[in-house]
Amino acid sequence: MDPQFFNDNGTTNNEAEDPNIMDLPPGYKFIPDDVDLIDYYLKHKLAGFLTNPPRINDVEVYKYPPQELEKYYKFKGEKEMYFFTRRSKKYEEGSRPNRDVKNYDGVHQGFWKATNKENPIMNNDIEVGFKRTLVYYEGKQDKPKQEKSNKSIKTNWIMQEFRIKDVTSSSATPPNMVS
């Protein structure tokens, strides 16, 4: 098992209580809205600031099927998981994101497919970022202009991908927020 799935004490989030959460009042749930995710958490991450409680993990989300992510990162009593991840490119010179999921041996397991266009996230009539919905499919993605081969099976896993509005034309890819 990949060691990044474990906390410093060798346990998963499901096996141990988060010490930062224990100091919070009963009934606390981490339920940020879209503006909070971009304007606070993602901007703080890009600026190098830590947030407390640290409920958003740095994980290469597109390297693991959602069942593994849930097994190791879902907090007790919460319905959603939140991650920071860098979005890799499908082709070195292109801008298309690579959302293929492969296991440790490089064997293809599935892919995240965008279901719509990016929707703007507005804060007081100012566009601060974008949100896109993705659905997880098991198996290989059908190639465009080919007859459906039924190699992929749609699952009930849904992910929201957030990205900050580009403020510079930097070649470095900033981390995305996924929930």
N, C-alpha and C. Protein backbone atom coordinates (compact mmCIF):
# COMPACT_ATOMS: atom_id res chain seq x y z
N MET A 1 0.85 -1.18 0.00
CA MET A 1 0.00 0.00 0.00
C MET A 1 0.89 1.24 0.00
N ASP A 2 0.48 2.23 -0.69
CA ASP A 2 1.22 3.47 -0.80
C ASP A 2 1.27 4.17 0.57
N PRO A 3 2.44 4.52 1.08
CA PRO A 3 2.54 5.11 2.41
C PRO A 3 1.88 6.47 2.54
N GLN A 4 1.63 7.18 1.44
CA GLN A 4 1.03 8.50 1.57
C GLN A 4 -0.44 8.42 2.01
N PHE A 5 -1.02 7.22 2.02
CA PHE A 5 -2.38 7.06 2.49
C PHE A 5 -2.49 7.12 4.01
N PHE A 6 -1.36 7.07 4.71
CA PHE A 6 -1.39 6.97 6.14
C PHE A 6 -0.98 8.27 6.83
N ASN A 7 -1.51 8.46 8.03
CA ASN A 7 -1.13 9.60 8.86
C ASN A 7 0.26 9.36 9.44
N ASP A 8 0.80 10.36 10.15
CA ASP A 8 2.13 10.24 10.74
C ASP A 8 2.24 9.08 11.72
N ASN A 9 1.14 8.75 12.39
CA ASN A 9 1.19 7.67 13.37
C ASN A 9 0.92 6.30 12.77
N GLY A 10 0.84 6.21 11.43
CA GLY A 10 0.66 4.93 10.76
C GLY A 10 -0.78 4.47 10.65
N THR A 11 -1.73 5.31 11.03
CA THR A 11 -3.13 4.93 10.93
C THR A 11 -3.81 5.74 9.83
N THR A 12 -4.95 5.25 9.38
CA THR A 12 -5.72 6.00 8.39
C THR A 12 -6.68 6.92 9.11
N ASN A 13 -7.31 7.83 8.37
CA ASN A 13 -8.28 8.75 8.97
C ASN A 13 -9.47 8.01 9.57
N ASN A 14 -9.79 6.83 9.07
CA ASN A 14 -10.90 6.08 9.61
C ASN A 14 -10.54 5.35 10.90
N GLU A 15 -9.25 5.21 11.18
CA GLU A 15 -8.83 4.47 12.36
C GLU A 15 -8.56 5.37 13.56
N ALA A 16 -8.31 6.64 13.32
CA ALA A 16 -7.96 7.53 14.42
C ALA A 16 -8.73 8.83 14.30
N GLU A 17 -8.99 9.44 15.41
CA GLU A 17 -9.65 10.74 15.40
C GLU A 17 -8.64 11.81 15.03
N ASP A 18 -9.05 12.79 14.28
CA ASP A 18 -8.19 13.90 13.92
C ASP A 18 -8.07 14.81 15.14
N PRO A 19 -6.85 15.05 15.67
CA PRO A 19 -6.71 15.87 16.88
C PRO A 19 -7.20 17.30 16.68
N ASN A 20 -7.16 17.81 15.46
CA ASN A 20 -7.66 19.17 15.22
C ASN A 20 -9.17 19.23 15.32
N ILE A 21 -9.85 18.16 14.99
CA ILE A 21 -11.30 18.12 15.04
C ILE A 21 -11.78 17.96 16.47
N MET A 22 -11.02 17.26 17.31
CA MET A 22 -11.44 17.00 18.68
C MET A 22 -11.60 18.29 19.47
N ASP A 23 -10.91 19.36 19.09
CA ASP A 23 -11.01 20.63 19.80
C ASP A 23 -12.21 21.46 19.34
N LEU A 24 -12.89 21.02 18.32
CA LEU A 24 -14.03 21.76 17.80
C LEU A 24 -15.31 21.33 18.49
N PRO A 25 -16.34 22.18 18.46
CA PRO A 25 -17.59 21.83 19.15
C PRO A 25 -18.29 20.64 18.50
N PRO A 26 -19.14 19.94 19.27
CA PRO A 26 -19.88 18.80 18.70
C PRO A 26 -20.73 19.24 17.51
N GLY A 27 -20.82 18.35 16.54
CA GLY A 27 -21.64 18.64 15.37
C GLY A 27 -20.90 19.34 14.25
N TYR A 28 -19.62 19.63 14.44
CA TYR A 28 -18.84 20.30 13.40
C TYR A 28 -18.75 19.42 12.18
N LYS A 29 -19.02 19.99 11.03
CA LYS A 29 -18.84 19.32 9.74
C LYS A 29 -18.10 20.28 8.82
N PHE A 30 -17.23 19.75 8.02
CA PHE A 30 -16.48 20.55 7.06
C PHE A 30 -17.31 20.64 5.78
N ILE A 31 -18.01 21.77 5.59
CA ILE A 31 -18.90 21.94 4.44
C ILE A 31 -18.64 23.32 3.81
N PRO A 32 -17.49 23.50 3.17
CA PRO A 32 -17.22 24.80 2.54
C PRO A 32 -18.03 24.95 1.25
N ASP A 33 -18.39 26.20 0.92
CA ASP A 33 -19.07 26.41 -0.36
C ASP A 33 -18.02 26.64 -1.45
N ASP A 34 -18.49 26.78 -2.69
CA ASP A 34 -17.57 26.91 -3.83
C ASP A 34 -16.63 28.10 -3.69
N VAL A 35 -17.15 29.23 -3.22
CA VAL A 35 -16.32 30.43 -3.07
C VAL A 35 -15.27 30.20 -1.99
N ASP A 36 -15.65 29.57 -0.88
CA ASP A 36 -14.68 29.26 0.18
C ASP A 36 -13.55 28.38 -0.35
N LEU A 37 -13.90 27.37 -1.13
CA LEU A 37 -12.88 26.45 -1.65
C LEU A 37 -11.85 27.16 -2.52
N ILE A 38 -12.30 28.11 -3.33
CA ILE A 38 -11.37 28.82 -4.21
C ILE A 38 -10.74 30.02 -3.53
N ASP A 39 -11.58 30.90 -2.98
CA ASP A 39 -11.08 32.17 -2.45
C ASP A 39 -10.31 32.02 -1.14
N TYR A 40 -10.58 30.99 -0.39
CA TYR A 40 -9.84 30.81 0.86
C TYR A 40 -8.85 29.65 0.76
N TYR A 41 -9.34 28.44 0.62
CA TYR A 41 -8.47 27.27 0.69
C TYR A 41 -7.47 27.18 -0.46
N LEU A 42 -7.93 27.30 -1.69
CA LEU A 42 -7.01 27.16 -2.83
C LEU A 42 -6.03 28.33 -2.90
N LYS A 43 -6.51 29.55 -2.67
CA LYS A 43 -5.59 30.70 -2.69
C LYS A 43 -4.57 30.61 -1.56
N HIS A 44 -5.00 30.17 -0.38
CA HIS A 44 -4.05 30.00 0.72
C HIS A 44 -3.01 28.93 0.39
N LYS A 45 -3.45 27.85 -0.23
CA LYS A 45 -2.53 26.78 -0.63
C LYS A 45 -1.48 27.30 -1.60
N LEU A 46 -1.94 28.05 -2.61
CA LEU A 46 -1.01 28.59 -3.60
C LEU A 46 -0.03 29.60 -2.99
N ALA A 47 -0.48 30.30 -1.95
CA ALA A 47 0.38 31.27 -1.28
C ALA A 47 1.31 30.60 -0.26
N GLY A 48 1.12 29.31 -0.02
CA GLY A 48 1.99 28.59 0.91
C GLY A 48 1.55 28.63 2.35
N PHE A 49 0.32 29.07 2.63
CA PHE A 49 -0.19 29.12 4.00
C PHE A 49 -0.85 27.79 4.38
N LEU A 50 -0.74 27.42 5.64
CA LEU A 50 -1.42 26.24 6.16
C LEU A 50 -2.79 26.66 6.67
N THR A 51 -3.77 25.79 6.53
CA THR A 51 -5.10 26.07 7.06
C THR A 51 -5.36 25.15 8.23
N ASN A 52 -6.14 25.62 9.20
CA ASN A 52 -6.45 24.83 10.37
C ASN A 52 -7.96 24.79 10.55
N PRO A 53 -8.58 23.64 10.65
CA PRO A 53 -7.95 22.33 10.64
C PRO A 53 -7.55 21.91 9.24
N PRO A 54 -6.52 21.09 9.13
CA PRO A 54 -6.04 20.66 7.81
C PRO A 54 -6.90 19.53 7.24
N ARG A 55 -8.05 19.86 6.71
CA ARG A 55 -9.00 18.85 6.23
C ARG A 55 -8.84 18.55 4.75
N ILE A 56 -7.93 19.23 4.06
CA ILE A 56 -7.75 19.00 2.63
C ILE A 56 -6.35 18.44 2.42
N ASN A 57 -6.28 17.20 1.95
CA ASN A 57 -5.01 16.52 1.76
C ASN A 57 -4.42 16.76 0.38
N ASP A 58 -3.09 16.72 0.29
CA ASP A 58 -2.39 16.74 -0.99
C ASP A 58 -2.31 15.30 -1.48
N VAL A 59 -3.02 15.00 -2.55
CA VAL A 59 -3.06 13.64 -3.09
C VAL A 59 -3.10 13.71 -4.60
N GLU A 60 -2.39 12.83 -5.25
CA GLU A 60 -2.49 12.74 -6.71
C GLU A 60 -3.75 11.95 -7.03
N VAL A 61 -4.88 12.63 -7.02
CA VAL A 61 -6.20 12.02 -7.12
C VAL A 61 -6.36 11.14 -8.35
N TYR A 62 -5.78 11.55 -9.45
CA TYR A 62 -5.96 10.81 -10.70
C TYR A 62 -5.12 9.53 -10.77
N LYS A 63 -4.38 9.22 -9.71
CA LYS A 63 -3.61 7.98 -9.67
C LYS A 63 -4.33 6.87 -8.91
N TYR A 64 -5.48 7.19 -8.30
CA TYR A 64 -6.16 6.20 -7.47
C TYR A 64 -7.65 6.14 -7.80
N PRO A 65 -8.22 4.94 -7.82
CA PRO A 65 -9.67 4.85 -8.02
C PRO A 65 -10.39 5.44 -6.79
N PRO A 66 -11.59 5.92 -6.97
CA PRO A 66 -12.29 6.58 -5.87
C PRO A 66 -12.51 5.70 -4.64
N GLN A 67 -12.63 4.39 -4.83
CA GLN A 67 -12.82 3.49 -3.69
C GLN A 67 -11.61 3.53 -2.76
N GLU A 68 -10.41 3.61 -3.32
CA GLU A 68 -9.20 3.71 -2.49
C GLU A 68 -9.13 5.04 -1.78
N LEU A 69 -9.48 6.10 -2.47
CA LEU A 69 -9.47 7.43 -1.85
C LEU A 69 -10.44 7.46 -0.67
N GLU A 70 -11.61 6.88 -0.86
CA GLU A 70 -12.61 6.86 0.21
C GLU A 70 -12.11 6.04 1.40
N LYS A 71 -11.50 4.91 1.10
CA LYS A 71 -11.03 4.02 2.16
C LYS A 71 -10.03 4.71 3.08
N TYR A 72 -9.16 5.54 2.52
CA TYR A 72 -8.09 6.12 3.31
C TYR A 72 -8.27 7.59 3.68
N TYR A 73 -9.19 8.29 3.05
CA TYR A 73 -9.29 9.73 3.30
C TYR A 73 -10.64 10.23 3.78
N LYS A 74 -11.65 9.42 3.78
CA LYS A 74 -12.97 9.90 4.19
C LYS A 74 -13.03 9.99 5.71
N PHE A 75 -13.44 11.15 6.21
CA PHE A 75 -13.57 11.35 7.64
C PHE A 75 -14.91 10.79 8.11
N LYS A 76 -14.92 10.27 9.31
CA LYS A 76 -16.15 9.67 9.86
C LYS A 76 -17.28 10.69 9.86
N GLY A 77 -18.46 10.26 9.41
CA GLY A 77 -19.64 11.09 9.46
C GLY A 77 -19.75 12.12 8.35
N GLU A 78 -18.77 12.21 7.48
CA GLU A 78 -18.83 13.19 6.40
C GLU A 78 -19.05 12.48 5.07
N LYS A 79 -19.78 13.15 4.18
CA LYS A 79 -20.16 12.55 2.91
C LYS A 79 -19.16 12.86 1.80
N GLU A 80 -18.36 13.90 1.96
CA GLU A 80 -17.47 14.32 0.89
C GLU A 80 -16.02 14.29 1.35
N MET A 81 -15.13 14.21 0.36
CA MET A 81 -13.70 14.27 0.61
C MET A 81 -13.16 15.44 -0.20
N TYR A 82 -12.10 16.08 0.28
CA TYR A 82 -11.51 17.21 -0.40
C TYR A 82 -10.02 16.97 -0.56
N PHE A 83 -9.48 17.33 -1.74
CA PHE A 83 -8.07 17.10 -2.04
C PHE A 83 -7.51 18.28 -2.83
N PHE A 84 -6.21 18.52 -2.65
CA PHE A 84 -5.46 19.36 -3.57
C PHE A 84 -4.72 18.40 -4.49
N THR A 85 -4.71 18.69 -5.77
CA THR A 85 -3.97 17.84 -6.70
C THR A 85 -3.51 18.67 -7.89
N ARG A 86 -2.40 18.30 -8.45
CA ARG A 86 -1.94 18.95 -9.69
C ARG A 86 -2.56 18.21 -10.86
N ARG A 87 -2.94 18.97 -11.84
CA ARG A 87 -3.55 18.38 -13.03
C ARG A 87 -2.46 18.18 -14.07
N SER A 88 -2.26 16.94 -14.48
CA SER A 88 -1.24 16.66 -15.49
C SER A 88 -1.86 16.74 -16.88
N LYS A 89 -1.00 16.93 -17.86
CA LYS A 89 -1.46 17.05 -19.25
C LYS A 89 -1.46 15.68 -19.91
N LYS A 90 -2.44 15.45 -20.75
CA LYS A 90 -2.51 14.19 -21.51
C LYS A 90 -1.38 14.13 -22.53
N TYR A 91 -1.12 15.26 -23.17
CA TYR A 91 -0.05 15.36 -24.16
C TYR A 91 0.88 16.49 -23.74
N GLU A 92 2.17 16.27 -23.88
CA GLU A 92 3.16 17.23 -23.41
C GLU A 92 2.94 18.64 -23.94
N GLU A 93 2.63 18.76 -25.21
CA GLU A 93 2.46 20.07 -25.83
C GLU A 93 1.02 20.58 -25.80
N GLY A 94 0.09 19.76 -25.34
CA GLY A 94 -1.31 20.15 -25.37
C GLY A 94 -1.80 20.73 -24.05
N SER A 95 -3.08 21.05 -24.02
CA SER A 95 -3.66 21.59 -22.80
C SER A 95 -4.71 20.65 -22.20
N ARG A 96 -4.96 19.53 -22.88
CA ARG A 96 -5.95 18.57 -22.40
C ARG A 96 -5.47 17.87 -21.14
N PRO A 97 -6.32 17.84 -20.07
CA PRO A 97 -5.89 17.20 -18.83
C PRO A 97 -5.92 15.67 -18.94
N ASN A 98 -5.03 15.02 -18.21
CA ASN A 98 -4.99 13.57 -18.15
C ASN A 98 -5.73 13.13 -16.89
N ARG A 99 -6.86 12.48 -17.06
CA ARG A 99 -7.65 12.03 -15.92
C ARG A 99 -7.77 10.51 -15.87
N ASP A 100 -6.81 9.82 -16.50
CA ASP A 100 -6.78 8.36 -16.47
C ASP A 100 -6.30 7.89 -15.10
N VAL A 101 -6.87 6.80 -14.61
CA VAL A 101 -6.49 6.22 -13.32
C VAL A 101 -5.83 4.87 -13.60
N LYS A 102 -4.59 4.72 -13.10
CA LYS A 102 -3.84 3.47 -13.28
C LYS A 102 -3.42 2.97 -11.91
N ASN A 103 -3.27 1.65 -11.79
CA ASN A 103 -2.83 1.10 -10.51
C ASN A 103 -1.31 1.22 -10.38
N TYR A 104 -0.74 0.61 -9.34
CA TYR A 104 0.69 0.74 -9.05
C TYR A 104 1.57 0.17 -10.15
N ASP A 105 1.05 -0.80 -10.89
CA ASP A 105 1.81 -1.42 -11.97
C ASP A 105 1.60 -0.73 -13.31
N GLY A 106 0.85 0.36 -13.32
CA GLY A 106 0.59 1.09 -14.55
C GLY A 106 -0.56 0.52 -15.37
N VAL A 107 -1.33 -0.42 -14.79
CA VAL A 107 -2.47 -1.01 -15.49
C VAL A 107 -3.66 -0.07 -15.38
N HIS A 108 -4.28 0.20 -16.50
CA HIS A 108 -5.41 1.12 -16.57
C HIS A 108 -6.60 0.59 -15.78
N GLN A 109 -7.17 1.42 -14.87
CA GLN A 109 -8.32 1.00 -14.07
C GLN A 109 -9.59 1.75 -14.45
N GLY A 110 -9.46 3.00 -14.85
CA GLY A 110 -10.64 3.79 -15.18
C GLY A 110 -10.24 5.21 -15.55
N PHE A 111 -11.22 6.10 -15.58
CA PHE A 111 -10.96 7.48 -15.93
C PHE A 111 -12.09 8.37 -15.43
N TRP A 112 -11.76 9.63 -15.23
CA TRP A 112 -12.75 10.65 -14.86
C TRP A 112 -13.13 11.39 -16.13
N LYS A 113 -14.42 11.45 -16.41
CA LYS A 113 -14.90 12.09 -17.63
C LYS A 113 -15.69 13.34 -17.26
N ALA A 114 -15.35 14.45 -17.91
CA ALA A 114 -16.07 15.70 -17.69
C ALA A 114 -17.49 15.57 -18.24
N THR A 115 -18.46 16.04 -17.46
CA THR A 115 -19.85 15.92 -17.88
C THR A 115 -20.41 17.23 -18.43
N ASN A 116 -19.68 18.30 -18.24
CA ASN A 116 -20.16 19.59 -18.72
C ASN A 116 -18.98 20.54 -18.91
N LYS A 117 -19.29 21.76 -19.29
CA LYS A 117 -18.24 22.77 -19.43
C LYS A 117 -17.90 23.33 -18.06
N GLU A 118 -16.81 24.06 -17.99
CA GLU A 118 -16.46 24.72 -16.74
C GLU A 118 -17.47 25.83 -16.45
N ASN A 119 -17.92 25.87 -15.21
CA ASN A 119 -18.83 26.93 -14.79
C ASN A 119 -18.07 27.92 -13.93
N PRO A 120 -18.28 29.21 -14.15
CA PRO A 120 -17.56 30.20 -13.36
C PRO A 120 -18.05 30.23 -11.91
N ILE A 121 -17.14 30.50 -10.99
CA ILE A 121 -17.46 30.71 -9.58
C ILE A 121 -17.32 32.21 -9.34
N MET A 122 -18.41 32.80 -8.87
CA MET A 122 -18.46 34.26 -8.68
C MET A 122 -18.46 34.59 -7.19
N ASN A 123 -17.71 35.64 -6.83
CA ASN A 123 -17.73 36.18 -5.48
C ASN A 123 -17.99 37.68 -5.61
N ASN A 124 -19.17 38.10 -5.22
CA ASN A 124 -19.56 39.51 -5.35
C ASN A 124 -19.38 40.01 -6.77
N ASP A 125 -19.90 39.27 -7.73
CA ASP A 125 -19.85 39.61 -9.16
C ASP A 125 -18.44 39.61 -9.75
N ILE A 126 -17.49 39.01 -9.06
CA ILE A 126 -16.13 38.89 -9.58
C ILE A 126 -15.84 37.41 -9.80
N GLU A 127 -15.39 37.06 -10.99
CA GLU A 127 -15.06 35.68 -11.31
C GLU A 127 -13.74 35.31 -10.63
N VAL A 128 -13.81 34.33 -9.70
CA VAL A 128 -12.62 33.94 -8.95
C VAL A 128 -12.06 32.59 -9.36
N GLY A 129 -12.86 31.80 -10.07
CA GLY A 129 -12.40 30.49 -10.49
C GLY A 129 -13.46 29.75 -11.27
N PHE A 130 -13.22 28.44 -11.43
CA PHE A 130 -14.10 27.61 -12.25
C PHE A 130 -14.34 26.27 -11.59
N LYS A 131 -15.49 25.68 -11.90
CA LYS A 131 -15.88 24.38 -11.36
C LYS A 131 -16.35 23.50 -12.51
N ARG A 132 -15.95 22.24 -12.46
CA ARG A 132 -16.36 21.27 -13.48
C ARG A 132 -16.75 19.97 -12.77
N THR A 133 -17.80 19.33 -13.28
CA THR A 133 -18.26 18.06 -12.73
C THR A 133 -17.69 16.91 -13.56
N LEU A 134 -17.18 15.88 -12.88
CA LEU A 134 -16.64 14.71 -13.55
C LEU A 134 -17.29 13.46 -12.97
N VAL A 135 -17.41 12.43 -13.81
CA VAL A 135 -17.96 11.14 -13.40
C VAL A 135 -16.88 10.09 -13.64
N TYR A 136 -16.78 9.13 -12.71
CA TYR A 136 -15.77 8.08 -12.84
C TYR A 136 -16.33 6.90 -13.62
N TYR A 137 -15.55 6.43 -14.59
CA TYR A 137 -15.86 5.24 -15.39
C TYR A 137 -14.78 4.20 -15.13
N GLU A 138 -15.20 2.95 -14.94
CA GLU A 138 -14.25 1.85 -14.83
C GLU A 138 -13.97 1.32 -16.22
N GLY A 139 -12.74 0.94 -16.47
CA GLY A 139 -12.36 0.42 -17.78
C GLY A 139 -11.68 1.48 -18.62
N LYS A 140 -11.54 1.17 -19.92
CA LYS A 140 -10.85 2.07 -20.84
C LYS A 140 -11.83 3.00 -21.53
N GLN A 141 -11.35 4.19 -21.80
CA GLN A 141 -12.16 5.19 -22.48
C GLN A 141 -12.23 4.88 -23.97
N ASP A 142 -13.45 4.96 -24.54
CA ASP A 142 -13.62 4.75 -25.97
C ASP A 142 -12.96 5.90 -26.73
N LYS A 143 -12.33 5.57 -27.83
CA LYS A 143 -11.69 6.60 -28.65
C LYS A 143 -12.75 7.33 -29.47
N PRO A 144 -12.54 8.63 -29.71
CA PRO A 144 -13.50 9.38 -30.52
C PRO A 144 -13.68 8.75 -31.90
N LYS A 145 -14.87 8.90 -32.45
CA LYS A 145 -15.20 8.44 -33.80
C LYS A 145 -15.12 6.92 -33.94
N GLN A 146 -15.20 6.19 -32.82
CA GLN A 146 -15.23 4.73 -32.88
C GLN A 146 -16.57 4.26 -32.35
N GLU A 147 -16.97 3.12 -32.79
CA GLU A 147 -18.21 2.52 -32.30
C GLU A 147 -18.01 2.17 -30.83
N LYS A 148 -19.07 2.34 -30.03
CA LYS A 148 -19.00 2.03 -28.60
C LYS A 148 -18.61 0.57 -28.41
N SER A 149 -17.61 0.34 -27.59
CA SER A 149 -17.12 -1.02 -27.39
C SER A 149 -17.52 -1.59 -26.03
N ASN A 150 -18.23 -0.78 -25.23
CA ASN A 150 -18.65 -1.18 -23.89
C ASN A 150 -17.48 -1.58 -23.01
N LYS A 151 -16.33 -0.97 -23.23
CA LYS A 151 -15.16 -1.24 -22.40
C LYS A 151 -15.21 -0.46 -21.10
N SER A 152 -16.05 0.57 -21.04
CA SER A 152 -16.12 1.38 -19.83
C SER A 152 -17.51 1.29 -19.21
N ILE A 153 -17.53 1.33 -17.87
CA ILE A 153 -18.78 1.25 -17.12
C ILE A 153 -18.89 2.48 -16.25
N LYS A 154 -19.98 3.22 -16.42
CA LYS A 154 -20.21 4.43 -15.62
C LYS A 154 -20.53 4.03 -14.18
N THR A 155 -19.91 4.74 -13.23
CA THR A 155 -20.16 4.48 -11.81
C THR A 155 -20.96 5.63 -11.22
N ASN A 156 -21.24 5.55 -9.94
CA ASN A 156 -21.95 6.62 -9.23
C ASN A 156 -21.01 7.63 -8.59
N TRP A 157 -19.71 7.50 -8.84
CA TRP A 157 -18.74 8.42 -8.26
C TRP A 157 -18.74 9.73 -9.04
N ILE A 158 -18.91 10.82 -8.32
CA ILE A 158 -18.91 12.16 -8.93
C ILE A 158 -17.85 13.00 -8.23
N MET A 159 -17.15 13.81 -9.01
CA MET A 159 -16.13 14.70 -8.47
C MET A 159 -16.36 16.10 -9.01
N GLN A 160 -16.16 17.07 -8.16
CA GLN A 160 -16.18 18.47 -8.56
C GLN A 160 -14.73 18.92 -8.62
N GLU A 161 -14.31 19.45 -9.75
CA GLU A 161 -12.94 19.93 -9.92
C GLU A 161 -13.00 21.46 -9.94
N PHE A 162 -12.22 22.08 -9.07
CA PHE A 162 -12.17 23.53 -8.98
C PHE A 162 -10.79 23.99 -9.43
N ARG A 163 -10.76 25.10 -10.11
CA ARG A 163 -9.47 25.71 -10.42
C ARG A 163 -9.60 27.21 -10.29
N ILE A 164 -8.51 27.81 -9.93
CA ILE A 164 -8.48 29.25 -9.73
C ILE A 164 -8.41 29.93 -11.10
N LYS A 165 -8.96 31.11 -11.19
CA LYS A 165 -8.89 31.85 -12.45
C LYS A 165 -7.43 32.21 -12.71
N ASP A 166 -6.99 32.01 -13.95
CA ASP A 166 -5.61 32.33 -14.32
C ASP A 166 -5.36 33.82 -14.16
N VAL A 167 -4.37 34.14 -13.34
CA VAL A 167 -4.02 35.54 -13.16
C VAL A 167 -2.73 35.88 -13.89
N THR A 168 -1.95 34.84 -14.20
CA THR A 168 -0.74 35.05 -14.98
C THR A 168 -0.69 33.98 -16.06
N SER A 169 0.19 34.14 -16.99
CA SER A 169 0.34 33.12 -18.03
C SER A 169 1.55 32.25 -17.73
N SER A 170 1.67 31.84 -16.46
CA SER A 170 2.79 31.00 -16.04
C SER A 170 2.69 29.63 -16.67
N SER A 171 3.84 29.03 -16.93
CA SER A 171 3.84 27.67 -17.49
C SER A 171 3.64 26.62 -16.41
N ALA A 172 3.82 27.01 -15.14
CA ALA A 172 3.61 26.07 -14.04
C ALA A 172 2.12 25.85 -13.83
N THR A 173 1.73 24.63 -13.61
CA THR A 173 0.32 24.30 -13.41
C THR A 173 0.02 24.36 -11.92
N PRO A 174 -0.86 25.29 -11.49
CA PRO A 174 -1.19 25.36 -10.07
C PRO A 174 -2.06 24.18 -9.66
N PRO A 175 -2.07 23.85 -8.35
CA PRO A 175 -2.89 22.73 -7.93
C PRO A 175 -4.37 23.04 -8.09
N ASN A 176 -5.15 22.02 -8.34
CA ASN A 176 -6.60 22.12 -8.40
C ASN A 176 -7.16 21.66 -7.06
N MET A 177 -8.41 21.97 -6.84
CA MET A 177 -9.13 21.48 -5.68
C MET A 177 -10.17 20.53 -6.22
N VAL A 178 -10.25 19.35 -5.65
CA VAL A 178 -11.29 18.42 -6.05
C VAL A 178 -12.06 17.98 -4.82
N SER A 179 -13.33 17.80 -5.00
CA SER A 179 -14.14 17.33 -3.87
C SER A 179 -15.10 16.27 -4.36
